[in-house]
Amino acid sequence: MQETRRKNKDRFGQCLLCGRTAELTFHHLIPKKVHRRKFFASAFSRETLSEGIYVCRLCHSGIHDLYDDYC
């Protein structure tokens, strides 16, 4: 539960994608935009919807440049 509270805050560490040591941001694996859609709300638990990874800002921006938030 404590991890859930901390996920919205930035932290400093090693990026899981590039390995750079930098300030990290939380990236949701299932985009927050779709969490309220009926399919996602019924197919996934609240815990699964809130899963994500910590990545540096450059990698986080790169993810959003390559993949849109619409499933």
C-alpha atoms as a PDB file:
ATOM      1  CA  MET A   1       0.000   0.000   0.000  1.00  0.00           C
ATOM      2  CA  GLN A   2       2.824   2.394   0.777  1.00  0.00           C
ATOM      3  CA  GLU A   3       4.261   1.789  -2.721  1.00  0.00           C
ATOM      4  CA  THR A   4       0.928   2.926  -4.200  1.00  0.00           C
ATOM      5  CA  ARG A   5       1.202   6.256  -2.379  1.00  0.00           C
ATOM      6  CA  ARG A   6       4.806   6.753  -3.475  1.00  0.00           C
ATOM      7  CA  LYS A   7       4.282   5.902  -7.142  1.00  0.00           C
ATOM      8  CA  ASN A   8       3.091   9.397  -8.056  1.00  0.00           C
ATOM      9  CA  LYS A   9       6.195  11.000  -6.621  1.00  0.00           C
ATOM     10  CA  ASP A  10       9.446  11.155  -8.508  1.00  0.00           C
ATOM     11  CA  ARG A  11      12.425   9.287  -7.134  1.00  0.00           C
ATOM     12  CA  PHE A  12      16.111   9.047  -7.891  1.00  0.00           C
ATOM     13  CA  GLY A  13      17.632   5.772  -9.088  1.00  0.00           C
ATOM     14  CA  GLN A  14      18.521   3.621 -12.071  1.00  0.00           C
ATOM     15  CA  CYS A  15      16.204   3.633 -15.095  1.00  0.00           C
ATOM     16  CA  LEU A  16      14.893   0.163 -15.931  1.00  0.00           C
ATOM     17  CA  LEU A  17      15.164   0.828 -19.672  1.00  0.00           C
ATOM     18  CA  CYS A  18      18.454   2.616 -20.283  1.00  0.00           C
ATOM     19  CA  GLY A  19      20.255   2.029 -16.970  1.00  0.00           C
ATOM     20  CA  ARG A  20      20.985   5.733 -16.497  1.00  0.00           C
ATOM     21  CA  THR A  21      21.072   6.996 -12.906  1.00  0.00           C
ATOM     22  CA  ALA A  22      18.639   9.920 -12.838  1.00  0.00           C
ATOM     23  CA  GLU A  23      15.394  11.233 -11.411  1.00  0.00           C
ATOM     24  CA  LEU A  24      12.738   8.637 -12.239  1.00  0.00           C
ATOM     25  CA  THR A  25       9.063   8.972 -13.071  1.00  0.00           C
ATOM     26  CA  PHE A  26       6.312   6.363 -12.787  1.00  0.00           C
ATOM     27  CA  HIS A  27       4.913   4.953 -16.037  1.00  0.00           C
ATOM     28  CA  HIS A  28       1.634   2.993 -15.930  1.00  0.00           C
ATOM     29  CA  LEU A  29       1.792  -0.218 -17.978  1.00  0.00           C
ATOM     30  CA  ILE A  30      -1.939   0.097 -18.722  1.00  0.00           C
ATOM     31  CA  PRO A  31      -2.623   3.746 -19.621  1.00  0.00           C
ATOM     32  CA  LYS A  32      -4.675   5.645 -17.039  1.00  0.00           C
ATOM     33  CA  LYS A  33      -6.921   6.930 -19.840  1.00  0.00           C
ATOM     34  CA  VAL A  34      -8.441   3.480 -20.288  1.00  0.00           C
ATOM     35  CA  HIS A  35      -8.859   2.466 -16.627  1.00  0.00           C
ATOM     36  CA  ARG A  36     -12.524   3.501 -16.535  1.00  0.00           C
ATOM     37  CA  ARG A  37     -13.526   1.772 -19.758  1.00  0.00           C
ATOM     38  CA  LYS A  38     -15.857  -1.147 -19.050  1.00  0.00           C
ATOM     39  CA  PHE A  39     -13.571  -3.750 -20.577  1.00  0.00           C
ATOM     40  CA  PHE A  40     -10.532  -2.736 -18.557  1.00  0.00           C
ATOM     41  CA  ALA A  41     -12.463  -2.160 -15.333  1.00  0.00           C
ATOM     42  CA  SER A  42     -13.956  -5.665 -15.498  1.00  0.00           C
ATOM     43  CA  ALA A  43     -10.974  -7.522 -16.974  1.00  0.00           C
ATOM     44  CA  PHE A  44      -8.272  -6.240 -14.602  1.00  0.00           C
ATOM     45  CA  SER A  45      -8.049  -5.767 -10.868  1.00  0.00           C
ATOM     46  CA  ARG A  46      -7.356  -2.354  -9.397  1.00  0.00           C
ATOM     47  CA  GLU A  47      -3.869  -3.549  -8.453  1.00  0.00           C
ATOM     48  CA  THR A  48      -3.119  -4.679 -12.008  1.00  0.00           C
ATOM     49  CA  LEU A  49      -4.325  -1.377 -13.441  1.00  0.00           C
ATOM     50  CA  SER A  50      -2.012   0.521 -11.107  1.00  0.00           C
ATOM     51  CA  GLU A  51       1.124  -1.477 -12.016  1.00  0.00           C
ATOM     52  CA  GLY A  52       3.969   0.345 -13.649  1.00  0.00           C
ATOM     53  CA  ILE A  53       7.689   0.939 -13.839  1.00  0.00           C
ATOM     54  CA  TYR A  54      10.058   3.728 -12.864  1.00  0.00           C
ATOM     55  CA  VAL A  55      11.959   5.176 -15.822  1.00  0.00           C
ATOM     56  CA  CYS A  56      13.940   8.355 -16.479  1.00  0.00           C
ATOM     57  CA  ARG A  57      12.163  11.298 -18.116  1.00  0.00           C
ATOM     58  CA  LEU A  58      13.891  10.696 -21.477  1.00  0.00           C
ATOM     59  CA  CYS A  59      12.728   7.067 -21.641  1.00  0.00           C
ATOM     60  CA  HIS A  60       9.259   8.002 -20.371  1.00  0.00           C
ATOM     61  CA  SER A  61       8.905  10.582 -23.130  1.00  0.00           C
ATOM     62  CA  GLY A  62      10.222   8.051 -25.647  1.00  0.00           C
ATOM     63  CA  ILE A  63       7.598   5.502 -24.621  1.00  0.00           C
ATOM     64  CA  HIS A  64       4.816   8.048 -25.187  1.00  0.00           C
ATOM     65  CA  ASP A  65       6.326   9.130 -28.506  1.00  0.00           C
ATOM     66  CA  LEU A  66       6.324   5.525 -29.772  1.00  0.00           C
ATOM     67  CA  TYR A  67       3.030   4.291 -28.291  1.00  0.00           C
ATOM     68  CA  ASP A  68      -0.211   6.169 -27.979  1.00  0.00           C
ATOM     69  CA  ASP A  69      -2.535   5.724 -25.008  1.00  0.00           C
ATOM     70  CA  TYR A  70      -5.389   4.167 -26.959  1.00  0.00           C
ATOM     71  CA  CYS A  71      -5.880   0.427 -26.871  1.00  0.00           C
END
